[in-house]
Amino acid sequence: VKTFMDNIDVFVLPSIWEGFGYVLVEAMACGKPVV
């Protein structure tokens, strides 16, 4: 996941529903802005 995050500029999560947005936490931990 870290390599994936290193290769993006903005993390987008277009889901309509998430139990807990763990992937948002991962993106933010990698210093990525999120939408």
PDB file of all heavy atoms in Angstrom:
ATOM      1  N   VAL A   1       0.834  -1.204   0.000  1.00  0.00           N
ATOM      2  CA  VAL A   1       0.000   0.000   0.000  1.00  0.00           C
ATOM      3  C   VAL A   1       0.869   1.255   0.000  1.00  0.00           C
ATOM      4  O   VAL A   1       0.558   2.237  -0.671  1.00  0.00           O
ATOM      5  CB  VAL A   1      -0.974  -0.002   1.194  1.00  0.00           C
ATOM      6  CG1 VAL A   1      -1.744   1.307   1.290  1.00  0.00           C
ATOM      7  CG2 VAL A   1      -1.929  -1.179   1.085  1.00  0.00           C
ATOM      8  N   LYS A   2       1.981   1.236   0.714  1.00  0.00           N
ATOM      9  CA  LYS A   2       2.863   2.412   0.783  1.00  0.00           C
ATOM     10  C   LYS A   2       3.374   2.777  -0.613  1.00  0.00           C
ATOM     11  O   LYS A   2       3.369   3.957  -0.983  1.00  0.00           O
ATOM     12  CB  LYS A   2       4.034   2.142   1.732  1.00  0.00           C
ATOM     13  CG  LYS A   2       5.075   3.253   1.722  1.00  0.00           C
ATOM     14  CD  LYS A   2       5.187   3.954   3.029  1.00  0.00           C
ATOM     15  CE  LYS A   2       6.288   4.964   3.114  1.00  0.00           C
ATOM     16  NZ  LYS A   2       6.282   6.042   2.170  1.00  0.00           N
ATOM     17  N   THR A   3       3.792   1.797  -1.385  1.00  0.00           N
ATOM     18  CA  THR A   3       4.264   2.062  -2.745  1.00  0.00           C
ATOM     19  C   THR A   3       3.137   2.645  -3.589  1.00  0.00           C
ATOM     20  O   THR A   3       3.348   3.593  -4.352  1.00  0.00           O
ATOM     21  CB  THR A   3       4.819   0.781  -3.391  1.00  0.00           C
ATOM     22  OG1 THR A   3       5.923   0.324  -2.611  1.00  0.00           O
ATOM     23  CG2 THR A   3       5.276   1.024  -4.810  1.00  0.00           C
ATOM     24  N   PHE A   4       1.949   2.099  -3.446  1.00  0.00           N
ATOM     25  CA  PHE A   4       0.796   2.642  -4.161  1.00  0.00           C
ATOM     26  C   PHE A   4       0.594   4.111  -3.789  1.00  0.00           C
ATOM     27  O   PHE A   4       0.454   4.972  -4.661  1.00  0.00           O
ATOM     28  CB  PHE A   4      -0.464   1.828  -3.844  1.00  0.00           C
ATOM     29  CG  PHE A   4      -1.722   2.426  -4.405  1.00  0.00           C
ATOM     30  CD1 PHE A   4      -2.049   2.271  -5.744  1.00  0.00           C
ATOM     31  CD2 PHE A   4      -2.583   3.155  -3.595  1.00  0.00           C
ATOM     32  CE1 PHE A   4      -3.205   2.840  -6.262  1.00  0.00           C
ATOM     33  CE2 PHE A   4      -3.740   3.718  -4.107  1.00  0.00           C
ATOM     34  CZ  PHE A   4      -4.057   3.557  -5.451  1.00  0.00           C
ATOM     35  N   MET A   5       0.584   4.397  -2.487  1.00  0.00           N
ATOM     36  CA  MET A   5       0.352   5.771  -2.019  1.00  0.00           C
ATOM     37  C   MET A   5       1.465   6.715  -2.490  1.00  0.00           C
ATOM     38  O   MET A   5       1.205   7.872  -2.802  1.00  0.00           O
ATOM     39  CB  MET A   5       0.241   5.822  -0.499  1.00  0.00           C
ATOM     40  CG  MET A   5      -0.954   5.109   0.064  1.00  0.00           C
ATOM     41  SD  MET A   5      -2.508   5.888  -0.403  1.00  0.00           S
ATOM     42  CE  MET A   5      -3.661   4.759   0.369  1.00  0.00           C
ATOM     43  N   ASP A   6       2.687   6.210  -2.563  1.00  0.00           N
ATOM     44  CA  ASP A   6       3.803   7.035  -3.022  1.00  0.00           C
ATOM     45  C   ASP A   6       3.651   7.449  -4.490  1.00  0.00           C
ATOM     46  O   ASP A   6       4.280   8.409  -4.931  1.00  0.00           O
ATOM     47  CB  ASP A   6       5.137   6.304  -2.844  1.00  0.00           C
ATOM     48  CG  ASP A   6       5.583   6.212  -1.388  1.00  0.00           C
ATOM     49  OD1 ASP A   6       5.016   6.944  -0.547  1.00  0.00           O
ATOM     50  OD2 ASP A   6       6.479   5.404  -1.101  1.00  0.00           O
ATOM     51  N   ASN A   7       2.831   6.719  -5.231  1.00  0.00           N
ATOM     52  CA  ASN A   7       2.671   6.969  -6.665  1.00  0.00           C
ATOM     53  C   ASN A   7       1.414   7.758  -7.017  1.00  0.00           C
ATOM     54  O   ASN A   7       1.055   7.834  -8.191  1.00  0.00           O
ATOM     55  CB  ASN A   7       2.699   5.644  -7.429  1.00  0.00           C
ATOM     56  CG  ASN A   7       4.101   5.099  -7.530  1.00  0.00           C
ATOM     57  OD1 ASN A   7       4.934   5.667  -8.217  1.00  0.00           O
ATOM     58  ND2 ASN A   7       4.377   4.030  -6.815  1.00  0.00           N
ATOM     59  N   ILE A   8       0.751   8.309  -6.019  1.00  0.00           N
ATOM     60  CA  ILE A   8      -0.440   9.121  -6.299  1.00  0.00           C
ATOM     61  C   ILE A   8      -0.256  10.512  -5.693  1.00  0.00           C
ATOM     62  O   ILE A   8       0.546  10.702  -4.775  1.00  0.00           O
ATOM     63  CB  ILE A   8      -1.732   8.466  -5.756  1.00  0.00           C
ATOM     64  CG1 ILE A   8      -1.708   8.348  -4.231  1.00  0.00           C
ATOM     65  CG2 ILE A   8      -1.965   7.105  -6.408  1.00  0.00           C
ATOM     66  CD1 ILE A   8      -3.018   7.901  -3.622  1.00  0.00           C
ATOM     67  N   ASP A   9      -1.006  11.462  -6.221  1.00  0.00           N
ATOM     68  CA  ASP A   9      -0.971  12.828  -5.701  1.00  0.00           C
ATOM     69  C   ASP A   9      -2.142  13.091  -4.760  1.00  0.00           C
ATOM     70  O   ASP A   9      -1.987  13.781  -3.756  1.00  0.00           O
ATOM     71  CB  ASP A   9      -1.016  13.844  -6.853  1.00  0.00           C
ATOM     72  CG  ASP A   9       0.188  13.721  -7.767  1.00  0.00           C
ATOM     73  OD1 ASP A   9       1.315  13.565  -7.253  1.00  0.00           O
ATOM     74  OD2 ASP A   9       0.011  13.767  -8.999  1.00  0.00           O
ATOM     75  N   VAL A  10      -3.303  12.573  -5.108  1.00  0.00           N
ATOM     76  CA  VAL A  10      -4.529  12.761  -4.334  1.00  0.00           C
ATOM     77  C   VAL A  10      -5.199  11.405  -4.202  1.00  0.00           C
ATOM     78  O   VAL A  10      -5.299  10.659  -5.176  1.00  0.00           O
ATOM     79  CB  VAL A  10      -5.492  13.747  -5.045  1.00  0.00           C
ATOM     80  CG1 VAL A  10      -6.797  13.886  -4.274  1.00  0.00           C
ATOM     81  CG2 VAL A  10      -4.840  15.098  -5.256  1.00  0.00           C
ATOM     82  N   PHE A  11      -5.651  11.096  -2.986  1.00  0.00           N
ATOM     83  CA  PHE A  11      -6.377   9.847  -2.786  1.00  0.00           C
ATOM     84  C   PHE A  11      -7.871  10.151  -2.841  1.00  0.00           C
ATOM     85  O   PHE A  11      -8.348  11.032  -2.138  1.00  0.00           O
ATOM     86  CB  PHE A  11      -6.038   9.203  -1.436  1.00  0.00           C
ATOM     87  CG  PHE A  11      -6.752   7.902  -1.246  1.00  0.00           C
ATOM     88  CD1 PHE A  11      -6.229   6.737  -1.784  1.00  0.00           C
ATOM     89  CD2 PHE A  11      -7.963   7.845  -0.580  1.00  0.00           C
ATOM     90  CE1 PHE A  11      -6.908   5.529  -1.647  1.00  0.00           C
ATOM     91  CE2 PHE A  11      -8.641   6.655  -0.438  1.00  0.00           C
ATOM     92  CZ  PHE A  11      -8.109   5.499  -0.971  1.00  0.00           C
ATOM     93  N   VAL A  12      -8.580   9.425  -3.685  1.00  0.00           N
ATOM     94  CA  VAL A  12     -10.024   9.623  -3.787  1.00  0.00           C
ATOM     95  C   VAL A  12     -10.742   8.337  -3.401  1.00  0.00           C
ATOM     96  O   VAL A  12     -10.330   7.244  -3.778  1.00  0.00           O
ATOM     97  CB  VAL A  12     -10.456  10.101  -5.190  1.00  0.00           C
ATOM     98  CG1 VAL A  12      -9.852  11.448  -5.503  1.00  0.00           C
ATOM     99  CG2 VAL A  12     -10.079   9.121  -6.264  1.00  0.00           C
ATOM    100  N   LEU A  13     -11.777   8.502  -2.619  1.00  0.00           N
ATOM    101  CA  LEU A  13     -12.597   7.365  -2.203  1.00  0.00           C
ATOM    102  C   LEU A  13     -14.032   7.654  -2.642  1.00  0.00           C
ATOM    103  O   LEU A  13     -14.757   8.377  -1.966  1.00  0.00           O
ATOM    104  CB  LEU A  13     -12.528   7.167  -0.683  1.00  0.00           C
ATOM    105  CG  LEU A  13     -13.262   5.939  -0.154  1.00  0.00           C
ATOM    106  CD1 LEU A  13     -12.620   4.654  -0.668  1.00  0.00           C
ATOM    107  CD2 LEU A  13     -13.273   5.942   1.369  1.00  0.00           C
ATOM    108  N   PRO A  14     -14.434   7.105  -3.784  1.00  0.00           N
ATOM    109  CA  PRO A  14     -15.753   7.412  -4.324  1.00  0.00           C
ATOM    110  C   PRO A  14     -16.860   6.500  -3.806  1.00  0.00           C
ATOM    111  O   PRO A  14     -17.949   6.471  -4.366  1.00  0.00           O
ATOM    112  CB  PRO A  14     -15.552   7.218  -5.833  1.00  0.00           C
ATOM    113  CG  PRO A  14     -14.531   6.125  -5.912  1.00  0.00           C
ATOM    114  CD  PRO A  14     -13.614   6.347  -4.724  1.00  0.00           C
ATOM    115  N   SER A  15     -16.598   5.779  -2.725  1.00  0.00           N
ATOM    116  CA  SER A  15     -17.603   4.875  -2.163  1.00  0.00           C
ATOM    117  C   SER A  15     -18.754   5.667  -1.561  1.00  0.00           C
ATOM    118  O   SER A  15     -18.548   6.725  -0.969  1.00  0.00           O
ATOM    119  CB  SER A  15     -17.003   4.009  -1.050  1.00  0.00           C
ATOM    120  OG  SER A  15     -15.887   3.313  -1.517  1.00  0.00           O
ATOM    121  N   ILE A  16     -19.932   5.103  -1.659  1.00  0.00           N
ATOM    122  CA  ILE A  16     -21.118   5.716  -1.060  1.00  0.00           C
ATOM    123  C   ILE A  16     -21.234   5.306   0.404  1.00  0.00           C
ATOM    124  O   ILE A  16     -21.827   5.995   1.214  1.00  0.00           O
ATOM    125  CB  ILE A  16     -22.381   5.285  -1.834  1.00  0.00           C
ATOM    126  CG1 ILE A  16     -22.261   5.696  -3.298  1.00  0.00           C
ATOM    127  CG2 ILE A  16     -23.638   5.894  -1.235  1.00  0.00           C
ATOM    128  CD1 ILE A  16     -21.972   7.164  -3.497  1.00  0.00           C
ATOM    129  N   TRP A  17     -20.645   4.182   0.769  1.00  0.00           N
ATOM    130  CA  TRP A  17     -20.721   3.697   2.146  1.00  0.00           C
ATOM    131  C   TRP A  17     -19.414   2.999   2.507  1.00  0.00           C
ATOM    132  O   TRP A  17     -18.853   2.253   1.708  1.00  0.00           O
ATOM    133  CB  TRP A  17     -21.877   2.713   2.317  1.00  0.00           C
ATOM    134  CG  TRP A  17     -22.063   2.290   3.732  1.00  0.00           C
ATOM    135  CD1 TRP A  17     -22.817   2.917   4.676  1.00  0.00           C
ATOM    136  CD2 TRP A  17     -21.473   1.165   4.391  1.00  0.00           C
ATOM    137  NE1 TRP A  17     -22.732   2.263   5.872  1.00  0.00           N
ATOM    138  CE2 TRP A  17     -21.910   1.167   5.728  1.00  0.00           C
ATOM    139  CE3 TRP A  17     -20.599   0.154   3.989  1.00  0.00           C
ATOM    140  CZ2 TRP A  17     -21.514   0.218   6.652  1.00  0.00           C
ATOM    141  CZ3 TRP A  17     -20.207  -0.792   4.908  1.00  0.00           C
ATOM    142  CH2 TRP A  17     -20.671  -0.752   6.232  1.00  0.00           C
ATOM    143  N   GLU A  18     -18.933   3.249   3.714  1.00  0.00           N
ATOM    144  CA  GLU A  18     -17.753   2.579   4.281  1.00  0.00           C
ATOM    145  C   GLU A  18     -18.074   2.271   5.737  1.00  0.00           C
ATOM    146  O   GLU A  18     -18.584   3.138   6.436  1.00  0.00           O
ATOM    147  CB  GLU A  18     -16.516   3.484   4.236  1.00  0.00           C
ATOM    148  CG  GLU A  18     -15.964   3.752   2.866  1.00  0.00           C
ATOM    149  CD  GLU A  18     -15.265   2.559   2.246  1.00  0.00           C
ATOM    150  OE1 GLU A  18     -14.591   1.806   2.971  1.00  0.00           O
ATOM    151  OE2 GLU A  18     -15.401   2.378   1.033  1.00  0.00           O
ATOM    152  N   GLY A  19     -17.765   1.056   6.182  1.00  0.00           N
ATOM    153  CA  GLY A  19     -17.924   0.752   7.600  1.00  0.00           C
ATOM    154  C   GLY A  19     -17.011   1.641   8.415  1.00  0.00           C
ATOM    155  O   GLY A  19     -17.428   2.427   9.247  1.00  0.00           O
ATOM    156  N   PHE A  20     -15.740   1.537   8.169  1.00  0.00           N
ATOM    157  CA  PHE A  20     -14.737   2.459   8.699  1.00  0.00           C
ATOM    158  C   PHE A  20     -13.743   2.653   7.571  1.00  0.00           C
ATOM    159  O   PHE A  20     -13.217   1.682   7.033  1.00  0.00           O
ATOM    160  CB  PHE A  20     -14.032   1.904   9.940  1.00  0.00           C
ATOM    161  CG  PHE A  20     -12.940   2.818  10.440  1.00  0.00           C
ATOM    162  CD1 PHE A  20     -13.258   3.965  11.142  1.00  0.00           C
ATOM    163  CD2 PHE A  20     -11.608   2.562  10.164  1.00  0.00           C
ATOM    164  CE1 PHE A  20     -12.260   4.837  11.583  1.00  0.00           C
ATOM    165  CE2 PHE A  20     -10.608   3.411  10.604  1.00  0.00           C
ATOM    166  CZ  PHE A  20     -10.933   4.557  11.323  1.00  0.00           C
ATOM    167  N   GLY A  21     -13.488   3.878   7.208  1.00  0.00           N
ATOM    168  CA  GLY A  21     -12.634   4.175   6.065  1.00  0.00           C
ATOM    169  C   GLY A  21     -11.163   3.982   6.354  1.00  0.00           C
ATOM    170  O   GLY A  21     -10.387   4.933   6.307  1.00  0.00           O
ATOM    171  N   TYR A  22     -10.796   2.736   6.658  1.00  0.00           N
ATOM    172  CA  TYR A  22      -9.408   2.421   6.980  1.00  0.00           C
ATOM    173  C   TYR A  22      -8.453   2.931   5.906  1.00  0.00           C
ATOM    174  O   TYR A  22      -7.380   3.451   6.204  1.00  0.00           O
ATOM    175  CB  TYR A  22      -9.257   0.910   7.165  1.00  0.00           C
ATOM    176  CG  TYR A  22      -7.884   0.478   7.597  1.00  0.00           C
ATOM    177  CD1 TYR A  22      -7.435   0.715   8.891  1.00  0.00           C
ATOM    178  CD2 TYR A  22      -7.020  -0.154   6.715  1.00  0.00           C
ATOM    179  CE1 TYR A  22      -6.171   0.338   9.296  1.00  0.00           C
ATOM    180  CE2 TYR A  22      -5.749  -0.536   7.108  1.00  0.00           C
ATOM    181  CZ  TYR A  22      -5.333  -0.289   8.395  1.00  0.00           C
ATOM    182  OH  TYR A  22      -4.079  -0.660   8.788  1.00  0.00           O
ATOM    183  N   VAL A  23      -8.870   2.817   4.640  1.00  0.00           N
ATOM    184  CA  VAL A  23      -8.006   3.235   3.544  1.00  0.00           C
ATOM    185  C   VAL A  23      -7.800   4.754   3.564  1.00  0.00           C
ATOM    186  O   VAL A  23      -6.739   5.235   3.157  1.00  0.00           O
ATOM    187  CB  VAL A  23      -8.561   2.729   2.193  1.00  0.00           C
ATOM    188  CG1 VAL A  23      -9.855   3.431   1.820  1.00  0.00           C
ATOM    189  CG2 VAL A  23      -7.528   2.843   1.103  1.00  0.00           C
ATOM    190  N   LEU A  24      -8.762   5.506   4.081  1.00  0.00           N
ATOM    191  CA  LEU A  24      -8.563   6.952   4.251  1.00  0.00           C
ATOM    192  C   LEU A  24      -7.461   7.225   5.268  1.00  0.00           C
ATOM    193  O   LEU A  24      -6.623   8.106   5.066  1.00  0.00           O
ATOM    194  CB  LEU A  24      -9.860   7.622   4.696  1.00  0.00           C
ATOM    195  CG  LEU A  24     -10.968   7.736   3.660  1.00  0.00           C
ATOM    196  CD1 LEU A  24     -12.257   8.217   4.307  1.00  0.00           C
ATOM    197  CD2 LEU A  24     -10.555   8.651   2.519  1.00  0.00           C
ATOM    198  N   VAL A  25      -7.469   6.457   6.343  1.00  0.00           N
ATOM    199  CA  VAL A  25      -6.426   6.608   7.365  1.00  0.00           C
ATOM    200  C   VAL A  25      -5.070   6.264   6.759  1.00  0.00           C
ATOM    201  O   VAL A  25      -4.080   6.970   7.002  1.00  0.00           O
ATOM    202  CB  VAL A  25      -6.732   5.729   8.603  1.00  0.00           C
ATOM    203  CG1 VAL A  25      -5.584   5.784   9.601  1.00  0.00           C
ATOM    204  CG2 VAL A  25      -8.039   6.172   9.258  1.00  0.00           C
ATOM    205  N   GLU A  26      -5.020   5.201   5.964  1.00  0.00           N
ATOM    206  CA  GLU A  26      -3.755   4.832   5.314  1.00  0.00           C
ATOM    207  C   GLU A  26      -3.251   5.957   4.409  1.00  0.00           C
ATOM    208  O   GLU A  26      -2.064   6.294   4.431  1.00  0.00           O
ATOM    209  CB  GLU A  26      -3.932   3.558   4.485  1.00  0.00           C
ATOM    210  CG  GLU A  26      -4.081   2.311   5.295  1.00  0.00           C
ATOM    211  CD  GLU A  26      -4.297   1.084   4.433  1.00  0.00           C
ATOM    212  OE1 GLU A  26      -5.073   1.152   3.454  1.00  0.00           O
ATOM    213  OE2 GLU A  26      -3.693   0.043   4.739  1.00  0.00           O
ATOM    214  N   ALA A  27      -4.149   6.521   3.618  1.00  0.00           N
ATOM    215  CA  ALA A  27      -3.752   7.593   2.711  1.00  0.00           C
ATOM    216  C   ALA A  27      -3.250   8.805   3.487  1.00  0.00           C
ATOM    217  O   ALA A  27      -2.220   9.397   3.147  1.00  0.00           O
ATOM    218  CB  ALA A  27      -4.931   7.985   1.817  1.00  0.00           C
ATOM    219  N   MET A  28      -3.983   9.168   4.537  1.00  0.00           N
ATOM    220  CA  MET A  28      -3.576  10.310   5.345  1.00  0.00           C
ATOM    221  C   MET A  28      -2.256  10.041   6.056  1.00  0.00           C
ATOM    222  O   MET A  28      -1.415  10.940   6.187  1.00  0.00           O
ATOM    223  CB  MET A  28      -4.690  10.675   6.323  1.00  0.00           C
ATOM    224  CG  MET A  28      -5.911  11.272   5.615  1.00  0.00           C
ATOM    225  SD  MET A  28      -7.438  11.347   6.595  1.00  0.00           S
ATOM    226  CE  MET A  28      -6.925  12.213   8.062  1.00  0.00           C
ATOM    227  N   ALA A  29      -2.039   8.819   6.504  1.00  0.00           N
ATOM    228  CA  ALA A  29      -0.771   8.460   7.144  1.00  0.00           C
ATOM    229  C   ALA A  29       0.393   8.625   6.180  1.00  0.00           C
ATOM    230  O   ALA A  29       1.520   8.921   6.601  1.00  0.00           O
ATOM    231  CB  ALA A  29      -0.829   7.020   7.659  1.00  0.00           C
ATOM    232  N   CYS A  30       0.115   8.470   4.902  1.00  0.00           N
ATOM    233  CA  CYS A  30       1.150   8.655   3.873  1.00  0.00           C
ATOM    234  C   CYS A  30       1.234  10.101   3.402  1.00  0.00           C
ATOM    235  O   CYS A  30       1.949  10.400   2.439  1.00  0.00           O
ATOM    236  CB  CYS A  30       0.866   7.727   2.699  1.00  0.00           C
ATOM    237  SG  CYS A  30       1.112   5.985   3.088  1.00  0.00           S
ATOM    238  N   GLY A  31       0.506  10.985   4.062  1.00  0.00           N
ATOM    239  CA  GLY A  31       0.586  12.403   3.733  1.00  0.00           C
ATOM    240  C   GLY A  31      -0.158  12.802   2.473  1.00  0.00           C
ATOM    241  O   GLY A  31       0.195  13.798   1.841  1.00  0.00           O
ATOM    242  N   LYS A  32      -1.189  12.047   2.124  1.00  0.00           N
ATOM    243  CA  LYS A  32      -1.952  12.352   0.919  1.00  0.00           C
ATOM    244  C   LYS A  32      -3.226  13.122   1.257  1.00  0.00           C
ATOM    245  O   LYS A  32      -3.942  12.760   2.194  1.00  0.00           O
ATOM    246  CB  LYS A  32      -2.331  11.066   0.172  1.00  0.00           C
ATOM    247  CG  LYS A  32      -1.145  10.252  -0.278  1.00  0.00           C
ATOM    248  CD  LYS A  32      -0.258  11.030  -1.229  1.00  0.00           C
ATOM    249  CE  LYS A  32       1.025  10.301  -1.544  1.00  0.00           C
ATOM    250  NZ  LYS A  32       1.880  11.044  -2.443  1.00  0.00           N
ATOM    251  N   PRO A  33      -3.536  14.169   0.488  1.00  0.00           N
ATOM    252  CA  PRO A  33      -4.835  14.810   0.651  1.00  0.00           C
ATOM    253  C   PRO A  33      -5.897  13.854   0.129  1.00  0.00           C
ATOM    254  O   PRO A  33      -5.627  13.041  -0.759  1.00  0.00           O
ATOM    255  CB  PRO A  33      -4.722  16.051  -0.237  1.00  0.00           C
ATOM    256  CG  PRO A  33      -3.741  15.664  -1.299  1.00  0.00           C
ATOM    257  CD  PRO A  33      -2.760  14.736  -0.614  1.00  0.00           C
ATOM    258  N   VAL A  34      -7.095  13.933   0.676  1.00  0.00           N
ATOM    259  CA  VAL A  34      -8.143  12.990   0.282  1.00  0.00           C
ATOM    260  C   VAL A  34      -9.402  13.728  -0.160  1.00  0.00           C
ATOM    261  O   VAL A  34      -9.682  14.846   0.287  1.00  0.00           O
ATOM    262  CB  VAL A  34      -8.477  11.994   1.415  1.00  0.00           C
ATOM    263  CG1 VAL A  34      -7.264  11.169   1.788  1.00  0.00           C
ATOM    264  CG2 VAL A  34      -9.024  12.698   2.629  1.00  0.00           C
ATOM    265  N   VAL A  35     -10.144  13.074  -1.036  1.00  0.00           N
ATOM    266  CA  VAL A  35     -11.471  13.529  -1.436  1.00  0.00           C
ATOM    267  C   VAL A  35     -12.381  12.321  -1.290  1.00  0.00           C
ATOM    268  O   VAL A  35     -12.092  11.236  -1.805  1.00  0.00           O
ATOM    269  CB  VAL A  35     -11.503  14.057  -2.885  1.00  0.00           C
ATOM    270  CG1 VAL A  35     -12.917  14.479  -3.276  1.00  0.00           C
ATOM    271  CG2 VAL A  35     -10.528  15.211  -3.069  1.00  0.00           C
TER     272      VAL A  35
END
